[in-house]
């Protein structure tokens, strides 16, 4: 499989050796300095993997769709343009798998959080809080993974109408979200459910980026040859 790697930051550098280990060929690596070569690289690719930044993600994904190249993307912070991109995906009969997090462990956390959301919707005495901690270079706040957890909670729980970041005093209809930045934290997410008498917590802590990179390569292998819009849960068969 010929893979175009769009973005060569921490995730791109973690993905590159895994592609070689699994017998895939790099058709090109797109960086800030050679972004004008993206179209040429895509013309020689079976699939693209995109981890860049919120400012360039939409244009990168659009280029993949226009060149009929299935694309796996893990860039967060650009979802205000989501509906536009999905519309173009359907118009072009394209293929994309987007996930806020490609870690298998985090995707298990997502499934457990959805289940907990349904249960806690019937137990209003439990107050819910989402917490995330990332390295200081993380641009979006809260993280895309935290936003995924938040959205699932808001969808299932009738009490919460919105969420608030780092609140001093949230009202009872606002889901409290804490976001912290620390020097060497790869990624930590926790959802807590607290009542006057007890507390339940579900959490995930990443030790290295290898788990995210392995998940992204797996997703690219799974997506190759498919048409449509997919999630990591579908790729994992959850």
C-alpha atoms as a PDB file:
ATOM      1  CA  UNK A   1       0.000   0.000   0.000  1.00  0.00           C
ATOM      2  CA  UNK A   2       1.363   3.422  -0.971  1.00  0.00           C
ATOM      3  CA  UNK A   3       0.748   5.941   1.794  1.00  0.00           C
ATOM      4  CA  UNK A   4       0.930   9.731   1.691  1.00  0.00           C
ATOM      5  CA  UNK A   5       1.824  10.997   5.154  1.00  0.00           C
ATOM      6  CA  UNK A   6       0.439  14.510   5.591  1.00  0.00           C
ATOM      7  CA  UNK A   7       2.085  16.158   8.571  1.00  0.00           C
ATOM      8  CA  UNK A   8       5.426  15.306  10.112  1.00  0.00           C
ATOM      9  CA  UNK A   9       5.084  16.353  13.713  1.00  0.00           C
ATOM     10  CA  UNK A  10       5.143  14.007  16.690  1.00  0.00           C
ATOM     11  CA  UNK A  11       2.430  11.755  15.254  1.00  0.00           C
ATOM     12  CA  UNK A  12       3.850  11.704  11.733  1.00  0.00           C
ATOM     13  CA  UNK A  13       7.258  10.719  13.050  1.00  0.00           C
ATOM     14  CA  UNK A  14       5.680   7.921  15.118  1.00  0.00           C
ATOM     15  CA  UNK A  15       3.680   6.616  12.138  1.00  0.00           C
ATOM     16  CA  UNK A  16       6.540   6.551   9.625  1.00  0.00           C
ATOM     17  CA  UNK A  17       8.495   3.552  11.040  1.00  0.00           C
ATOM     18  CA  UNK A  18       5.286   1.575  11.602  1.00  0.00           C
ATOM     19  CA  UNK A  19       4.411   1.871   7.922  1.00  0.00           C
ATOM     20  CA  UNK A  20       7.789   0.378   7.002  1.00  0.00           C
ATOM     21  CA  UNK A  21       7.404  -2.390   9.590  1.00  0.00           C
ATOM     22  CA  UNK A  22       4.060  -3.381   8.071  1.00  0.00           C
ATOM     23  CA  UNK A  23       5.429  -3.430   4.539  1.00  0.00           C
ATOM     24  CA  UNK A  24       3.893  -0.207   3.255  1.00  0.00           C
ATOM     25  CA  UNK A  25       5.591   2.301   0.953  1.00  0.00           C
ATOM     26  CA  UNK A  26       5.661   6.048   1.519  1.00  0.00           C
ATOM     27  CA  UNK A  27       4.578   7.960  -1.574  1.00  0.00           C
ATOM     28  CA  UNK A  28       5.541  11.208   0.134  1.00  0.00           C
ATOM     29  CA  UNK A  29       5.762  13.100   3.400  1.00  0.00           C
ATOM     30  CA  UNK A  30       4.071  16.494   3.385  1.00  0.00           C
ATOM     31  CA  UNK A  31       5.528  19.182   5.649  1.00  0.00           C
ATOM     32  CA  UNK A  32       5.045  22.945   5.851  1.00  0.00           C
ATOM     33  CA  UNK A  33       8.013  23.442   3.546  1.00  0.00           C
ATOM     34  CA  UNK A  34       6.794  21.193   0.702  1.00  0.00           C
ATOM     35  CA  UNK A  35       2.996  21.466   0.992  1.00  0.00           C
ATOM     36  CA  UNK A  36       2.813  22.500  -2.671  1.00  0.00           C
ATOM     37  CA  UNK A  37       3.747  18.895  -3.565  1.00  0.00           C
ATOM     38  CA  UNK A  38       0.667  17.398  -1.889  1.00  0.00           C
ATOM     39  CA  UNK A  39      -1.264  16.956  -5.144  1.00  0.00           C
ATOM     40  CA  UNK A  40       1.654  15.165  -6.786  1.00  0.00           C
ATOM     41  CA  UNK A  41       2.100  12.824  -3.818  1.00  0.00           C
ATOM     42  CA  UNK A  42      -1.638  12.040  -3.800  1.00  0.00           C
ATOM     43  CA  UNK A  43      -1.512  11.081  -7.466  1.00  0.00           C
ATOM     44  CA  UNK A  44       0.770   8.207  -6.471  1.00  0.00           C
ATOM     45  CA  UNK A  45      -1.016   7.122  -3.271  1.00  0.00           C
ATOM     46  CA  UNK A  46      -3.502   4.412  -2.263  1.00  0.00           C
ATOM     47  CA  UNK A  47      -4.366   6.127   1.029  1.00  0.00           C
ATOM     48  CA  UNK A  48      -3.378   9.214   3.029  1.00  0.00           C
ATOM     49  CA  UNK A  49      -2.845   9.704   6.762  1.00  0.00           C
ATOM     50  CA  UNK A  50      -3.333  13.293   7.942  1.00  0.00           C
ATOM     51  CA  UNK A  51      -2.137  14.707  11.285  1.00  0.00           C
ATOM     52  CA  UNK A  52      -1.522  18.427  10.915  1.00  0.00           C
ATOM     53  CA  UNK A  53      -3.157  21.445  12.581  1.00  0.00           C
ATOM     54  CA  UNK A  54      -6.629  23.028  12.687  1.00  0.00           C
ATOM     55  CA  UNK A  55      -5.642  25.740  10.209  1.00  0.00           C
ATOM     56  CA  UNK A  56      -4.635  23.398   7.380  1.00  0.00           C
ATOM     57  CA  UNK A  57      -6.677  20.232   8.006  1.00  0.00           C
ATOM     58  CA  UNK A  58      -9.722  21.187   5.909  1.00  0.00           C
ATOM     59  CA  UNK A  59      -7.632  22.017   2.825  1.00  0.00           C
ATOM     60  CA  UNK A  60      -5.583  18.836   3.227  1.00  0.00           C
ATOM     61  CA  UNK A  61      -8.673  16.648   3.481  1.00  0.00           C
ATOM     62  CA  UNK A  62     -10.328  18.447   0.586  1.00  0.00           C
ATOM     63  CA  UNK A  63      -7.283  17.723  -1.575  1.00  0.00           C
ATOM     64  CA  UNK A  64      -7.507  14.020  -0.713  1.00  0.00           C
ATOM     65  CA  UNK A  65     -11.189  13.899  -1.677  1.00  0.00           C
ATOM     66  CA  UNK A  66     -10.557  15.773  -4.914  1.00  0.00           C
ATOM     67  CA  UNK A  67      -7.833  13.265  -5.837  1.00  0.00           C
ATOM     68  CA  UNK A  68     -10.030  10.286  -4.880  1.00  0.00           C
ATOM     69  CA  UNK A  69      -7.588   9.136  -2.195  1.00  0.00           C
ATOM     70  CA  UNK A  70      -9.073   7.605   0.991  1.00  0.00           C
ATOM     71  CA  UNK A  71      -7.860   9.590   3.977  1.00  0.00           C
ATOM     72  CA  UNK A  72      -7.455   8.842   7.683  1.00  0.00           C
ATOM     73  CA  UNK A  73      -7.367  11.999   9.793  1.00  0.00           C
ATOM     74  CA  UNK A  74      -6.750  12.641  13.461  1.00  0.00           C
ATOM     75  CA  UNK A  75      -6.493  16.426  13.381  1.00  0.00           C
ATOM     76  CA  UNK A  76      -8.830  18.148  15.836  1.00  0.00           C
ATOM     77  CA  UNK A  77      -9.945  21.742  16.308  1.00  0.00           C
ATOM     78  CA  UNK A  78     -11.338  22.298  12.778  1.00  0.00           C
ATOM     79  CA  UNK A  79     -14.806  20.762  13.124  1.00  0.00           C
ATOM     80  CA  UNK A  80     -16.674  24.028  12.486  1.00  0.00           C
ATOM     81  CA  UNK A  81     -16.085  23.060   8.828  1.00  0.00           C
ATOM     82  CA  UNK A  82     -17.185  19.443   9.308  1.00  0.00           C
ATOM     83  CA  UNK A  83     -20.548  19.715   7.511  1.00  0.00           C
ATOM     84  CA  UNK A  84     -18.922  21.363   4.494  1.00  0.00           C
ATOM     85  CA  UNK A  85     -16.349  18.610   4.192  1.00  0.00           C
ATOM     86  CA  UNK A  86     -18.901  15.808   4.610  1.00  0.00           C
ATOM     87  CA  UNK A  87     -21.007  17.380   1.870  1.00  0.00           C
ATOM     88  CA  UNK A  88     -18.003  17.388  -0.456  1.00  0.00           C
ATOM     89  CA  UNK A  89     -17.186  13.796   0.530  1.00  0.00           C
ATOM     90  CA  UNK A  90     -20.626  12.662  -0.608  1.00  0.00           C
ATOM     91  CA  UNK A  91     -20.431  14.727  -3.805  1.00  0.00           C
ATOM     92  CA  UNK A  92     -17.078  13.197  -4.744  1.00  0.00           C
ATOM     93  CA  UNK A  93     -17.983   9.665  -3.599  1.00  0.00           C
ATOM     94  CA  UNK A  94     -14.920   9.906  -1.401  1.00  0.00           C
ATOM     95  CA  UNK A  95     -13.647   8.025   1.612  1.00  0.00           C
ATOM     96  CA  UNK A  96     -12.582   9.284   5.037  1.00  0.00           C
ATOM     97  CA  UNK A  97     -12.122   7.940   8.537  1.00  0.00           C
ATOM     98  CA  UNK A  98     -11.830  10.683  11.132  1.00  0.00           C
ATOM     99  CA  UNK A  99     -11.262  10.093  14.826  1.00  0.00           C
ATOM    100  CA  UNK A 100     -10.404  12.380  17.697  1.00  0.00           C
ATOM    101  CA  UNK A 101      -8.197   9.587  19.006  1.00  0.00           C
ATOM    102  CA  UNK A 102      -6.856   6.417  17.357  1.00  0.00           C
ATOM    103  CA  UNK A 103      -5.777   4.629  20.524  1.00  0.00           C
ATOM    104  CA  UNK A 104      -7.608   1.338  20.947  1.00  0.00           C
ATOM    105  CA  UNK A 105      -7.756   1.984  24.698  1.00  0.00           C
ATOM    106  CA  UNK A 106      -9.353   5.403  24.215  1.00  0.00           C
ATOM    107  CA  UNK A 107     -11.932   3.943  21.853  1.00  0.00           C
ATOM    108  CA  UNK A 108     -12.815   1.415  24.556  1.00  0.00           C
ATOM    109  CA  UNK A 109     -13.157   4.411  26.900  1.00  0.00           C
ATOM    110  CA  UNK A 110     -15.565   6.013  24.409  1.00  0.00           C
ATOM    111  CA  UNK A 111     -17.741   2.890  24.427  1.00  0.00           C
ATOM    112  CA  UNK A 112     -17.771   2.698  28.230  1.00  0.00           C
ATOM    113  CA  UNK A 113     -18.572   6.426  28.442  1.00  0.00           C
ATOM    114  CA  UNK A 114     -21.587   5.981  26.150  1.00  0.00           C
ATOM    115  CA  UNK A 115     -22.844   3.171  28.365  1.00  0.00           C
ATOM    116  CA  UNK A 116     -22.264   5.212  31.510  1.00  0.00           C
ATOM    117  CA  UNK A 117     -24.077   8.161  29.928  1.00  0.00           C
ATOM    118  CA  UNK A 118     -27.193   6.060  29.444  1.00  0.00           C
ATOM    119  CA  UNK A 119     -27.058   4.718  32.995  1.00  0.00           C
ATOM    120  CA  UNK A 120     -26.384   8.086  34.639  1.00  0.00           C
ATOM    121  CA  UNK A 121     -29.220   9.704  32.686  1.00  0.00           C
ATOM    122  CA  UNK A 122     -31.480   7.843  35.124  1.00  0.00           C
ATOM    123  CA  UNK A 123     -29.447   8.858  38.193  1.00  0.00           C
ATOM    124  CA  UNK A 124     -29.533  12.669  38.440  1.00  0.00           C
ATOM    125  CA  UNK A 125     -27.907  12.667  41.873  1.00  0.00           C
ATOM    126  CA  UNK A 126     -24.561  12.037  40.143  1.00  0.00           C
ATOM    127  CA  UNK A 127     -22.759  15.156  38.916  1.00  0.00           C
ATOM    128  CA  UNK A 128     -20.482  14.563  35.927  1.00  0.00           C
ATOM    129  CA  UNK A 129     -17.097  16.112  35.195  1.00  0.00           C
ATOM    130  CA  UNK A 130     -14.657  15.602  32.303  1.00  0.00           C
ATOM    131  CA  UNK A 131     -10.949  16.203  32.835  1.00  0.00           C
ATOM    132  CA  UNK A 132      -8.069  16.095  30.361  1.00  0.00           C
ATOM    133  CA  UNK A 133      -4.324  16.714  30.662  1.00  0.00           C
ATOM    134  CA  UNK A 134      -1.925  17.055  27.712  1.00  0.00           C
ATOM    135  CA  UNK A 135       1.555  18.286  26.871  1.00  0.00           C
ATOM    136  CA  UNK A 136       2.100  22.039  26.681  1.00  0.00           C
ATOM    137  CA  UNK A 137       2.278  22.000  22.854  1.00  0.00           C
ATOM    138  CA  UNK A 138      -1.326  20.812  22.481  1.00  0.00           C
ATOM    139  CA  UNK A 139      -3.080  23.597  20.556  1.00  0.00           C
ATOM    140  CA  UNK A 140      -6.785  22.908  21.057  1.00  0.00           C
ATOM    141  CA  UNK A 141      -8.345  23.095  24.506  1.00  0.00           C
ATOM    142  CA  UNK A 142     -10.172  20.988  25.507  1.00  0.00           C
ATOM    143  CA  UNK A 143      -8.734  18.163  23.431  1.00  0.00           C
ATOM    144  CA  UNK A 144     -10.681  16.553  20.613  1.00  0.00           C
ATOM    145  CA  UNK A 145     -10.869  13.374  22.673  1.00  0.00           C
ATOM    146  CA  UNK A 146     -12.433  15.292  25.552  1.00  0.00           C
ATOM    147  CA  UNK A 147     -14.918  16.878  23.143  1.00  0.00           C
ATOM    148  CA  UNK A 148     -15.925  13.408  21.935  1.00  0.00           C
ATOM    149  CA  UNK A 149     -16.533  12.330  25.542  1.00  0.00           C
ATOM    150  CA  UNK A 150     -18.474  15.550  26.183  1.00  0.00           C
ATOM    151  CA  UNK A 151     -20.684  15.185  23.114  1.00  0.00           C
ATOM    152  CA  UNK A 152     -21.648  11.624  24.018  1.00  0.00           C
ATOM    153  CA  UNK A 153     -22.544  12.731  27.543  1.00  0.00           C
ATOM    154  CA  UNK A 154     -24.648  15.659  26.295  1.00  0.00           C
ATOM    155  CA  UNK A 155     -26.445  13.447  23.800  1.00  0.00           C
ATOM    156  CA  UNK A 156     -27.513  10.868  26.389  1.00  0.00           C
ATOM    157  CA  UNK A 157     -27.976  12.882  29.584  1.00  0.00           C
ATOM    158  CA  UNK A 158     -31.134  15.053  29.801  1.00  0.00           C
ATOM    159  CA  UNK A 159     -29.819  17.286  32.598  1.00  0.00           C
ATOM    160  CA  UNK A 160     -26.860  18.808  30.763  1.00  0.00           C
ATOM    161  CA  UNK A 161     -27.594  21.324  27.990  1.00  0.00           C
ATOM    162  CA  UNK A 162     -24.058  22.610  27.411  1.00  0.00           C
ATOM    163  CA  UNK A 163     -20.521  22.402  28.760  1.00  0.00           C
ATOM    164  CA  UNK A 164     -18.198  24.950  30.328  1.00  0.00           C
ATOM    165  CA  UNK A 165     -14.391  24.959  30.393  1.00  0.00           C
ATOM    166  CA  UNK A 166     -12.583  25.399  33.722  1.00  0.00           C
ATOM    167  CA  UNK A 167     -15.626  26.809  35.511  1.00  0.00           C
ATOM    168  CA  UNK A 168     -15.538  28.663  38.785  1.00  0.00           C
ATOM    169  CA  UNK A 169     -19.150  27.798  39.545  1.00  0.00           C
ATOM    170  CA  UNK A 170     -20.983  25.851  36.795  1.00  0.00           C
ATOM    171  CA  UNK A 171     -24.748  25.774  36.983  1.00  0.00           C
ATOM    172  CA  UNK A 172     -26.550  22.462  37.181  1.00  0.00           C
ATOM    173  CA  UNK A 173     -27.264  22.325  33.433  1.00  0.00           C
ATOM    174  CA  UNK A 174     -23.602  22.799  32.454  1.00  0.00           C
ATOM    175  CA  UNK A 175     -21.175  19.906  32.184  1.00  0.00           C
ATOM    176  CA  UNK A 176     -17.932  20.883  33.900  1.00  0.00           C
ATOM    177  CA  UNK A 177     -14.761  20.367  31.825  1.00  0.00           C
ATOM    178  CA  UNK A 178     -11.220  20.770  33.164  1.00  0.00           C
ATOM    179  CA  UNK A 179      -8.277  21.089  30.754  1.00  0.00           C
ATOM    180  CA  UNK A 180      -4.682  21.208  31.965  1.00  0.00           C
ATOM    181  CA  UNK A 181      -1.308  21.404  30.239  1.00  0.00           C
ATOM    182  CA  UNK A 182       1.847  19.825  31.662  1.00  0.00           C
ATOM    183  CA  UNK A 183       5.344  19.445  30.276  1.00  0.00           C
ATOM    184  CA  UNK A 184       5.595  15.716  29.531  1.00  0.00           C
ATOM    185  CA  UNK A 185       2.033  14.346  29.561  1.00  0.00           C
ATOM    186  CA  UNK A 186       1.155  12.428  26.396  1.00  0.00           C
ATOM    187  CA  UNK A 187      -2.559  12.317  27.137  1.00  0.00           C
ATOM    188  CA  UNK A 188      -4.873  11.691  30.087  1.00  0.00           C
ATOM    189  CA  UNK A 189      -8.692  11.691  30.107  1.00  0.00           C
ATOM    190  CA  UNK A 190     -11.091  11.058  32.961  1.00  0.00           C
ATOM    191  CA  UNK A 191     -14.853  11.180  33.418  1.00  0.00           C
ATOM    192  CA  UNK A 192     -16.066  11.237  37.003  1.00  0.00           C
ATOM    193  CA  UNK A 193     -19.584  10.694  38.337  1.00  0.00           C
ATOM    194  CA  UNK A 194     -19.994  12.070  41.855  1.00  0.00           C
ATOM    195  CA  UNK A 195     -22.949  11.801  44.219  1.00  0.00           C
ATOM    196  CA  UNK A 196     -23.223  12.919  47.856  1.00  0.00           C
ATOM    197  CA  UNK A 197     -22.193   9.408  48.948  1.00  0.00           C
ATOM    198  CA  UNK A 198     -19.741   8.079  46.357  1.00  0.00           C
ATOM    199  CA  UNK A 199     -17.789   8.602  43.137  1.00  0.00           C
ATOM    200  CA  UNK A 200     -17.265   6.489  40.010  1.00  0.00           C
ATOM    201  CA  UNK A 201     -14.457   7.217  37.538  1.00  0.00           C
ATOM    202  CA  UNK A 202     -13.447   5.966  34.112  1.00  0.00           C
ATOM    203  CA  UNK A 203     -10.110   7.068  32.676  1.00  0.00           C
ATOM    204  CA  UNK A 204      -7.364   6.453  30.151  1.00  0.00           C
ATOM    205  CA  UNK A 205      -3.705   7.428  30.319  1.00  0.00           C
ATOM    206  CA  UNK A 206      -1.361   7.161  27.335  1.00  0.00           C
ATOM    207  CA  UNK A 207       2.287   6.416  28.078  1.00  0.00           C
ATOM    208  CA  UNK A 208       3.631   6.898  24.525  1.00  0.00           C
ATOM    209  CA  UNK A 209       2.314   7.941  21.101  1.00  0.00           C
ATOM    210  CA  UNK A 210       2.893   4.451  19.712  1.00  0.00           C
ATOM    211  CA  UNK A 211      -0.661   3.391  20.541  1.00  0.00           C
ATOM    212  CA  UNK A 212      -2.099   6.299  18.563  1.00  0.00           C
ATOM    213  CA  UNK A 213       0.244   5.617  15.639  1.00  0.00           C
ATOM    214  CA  UNK A 214      -0.601   1.899  15.515  1.00  0.00           C
ATOM    215  CA  UNK A 215      -4.296   2.728  15.500  1.00  0.00           C
ATOM    216  CA  UNK A 216      -3.875   5.206  12.640  1.00  0.00           C
ATOM    217  CA  UNK A 217      -1.964   2.685  10.508  1.00  0.00           C
ATOM    218  CA  UNK A 218      -4.579   0.026  11.263  1.00  0.00           C
ATOM    219  CA  UNK A 219      -7.313   2.483  10.222  1.00  0.00           C
ATOM    220  CA  UNK A 220      -5.532   3.245   6.942  1.00  0.00           C
ATOM    221  CA  UNK A 221      -5.248  -0.465   6.143  1.00  0.00           C
ATOM    222  CA  UNK A 222      -8.930  -0.957   6.966  1.00  0.00           C
ATOM    223  CA  UNK A 223     -10.101   2.071   4.948  1.00  0.00           C
ATOM    224  CA  UNK A 224      -8.209   1.296   1.756  1.00  0.00           C
ATOM    225  CA  UNK A 225     -10.664   0.420  -1.026  1.00  0.00           C
ATOM    226  CA  UNK A 226     -13.769   1.607   0.874  1.00  0.00           C
ATOM    227  CA  UNK A 227     -16.126   4.485   0.086  1.00  0.00           C
ATOM    228  CA  UNK A 228     -17.946   6.690   2.583  1.00  0.00           C
ATOM    229  CA  UNK A 229     -17.478   8.239   6.008  1.00  0.00           C
ATOM    230  CA  UNK A 230     -16.307   5.994   8.850  1.00  0.00           C
ATOM    231  CA  UNK A 231     -15.408   6.054  12.519  1.00  0.00           C
ATOM    232  CA  UNK A 232     -12.736   4.247  14.489  1.00  0.00           C
ATOM    233  CA  UNK A 233     -15.469   2.318  16.299  1.00  0.00           C
ATOM    234  CA  UNK A 234     -16.588   0.887  12.948  1.00  0.00           C
ATOM    235  CA  UNK A 235     -13.027  -0.055  12.026  1.00  0.00           C
ATOM    236  CA  UNK A 236     -12.603  -1.837  15.372  1.00  0.00           C
ATOM    237  CA  UNK A 237     -15.978  -3.551  15.083  1.00  0.00           C
ATOM    238  CA  UNK A 238     -17.441  -2.103  18.290  1.00  0.00           C
END
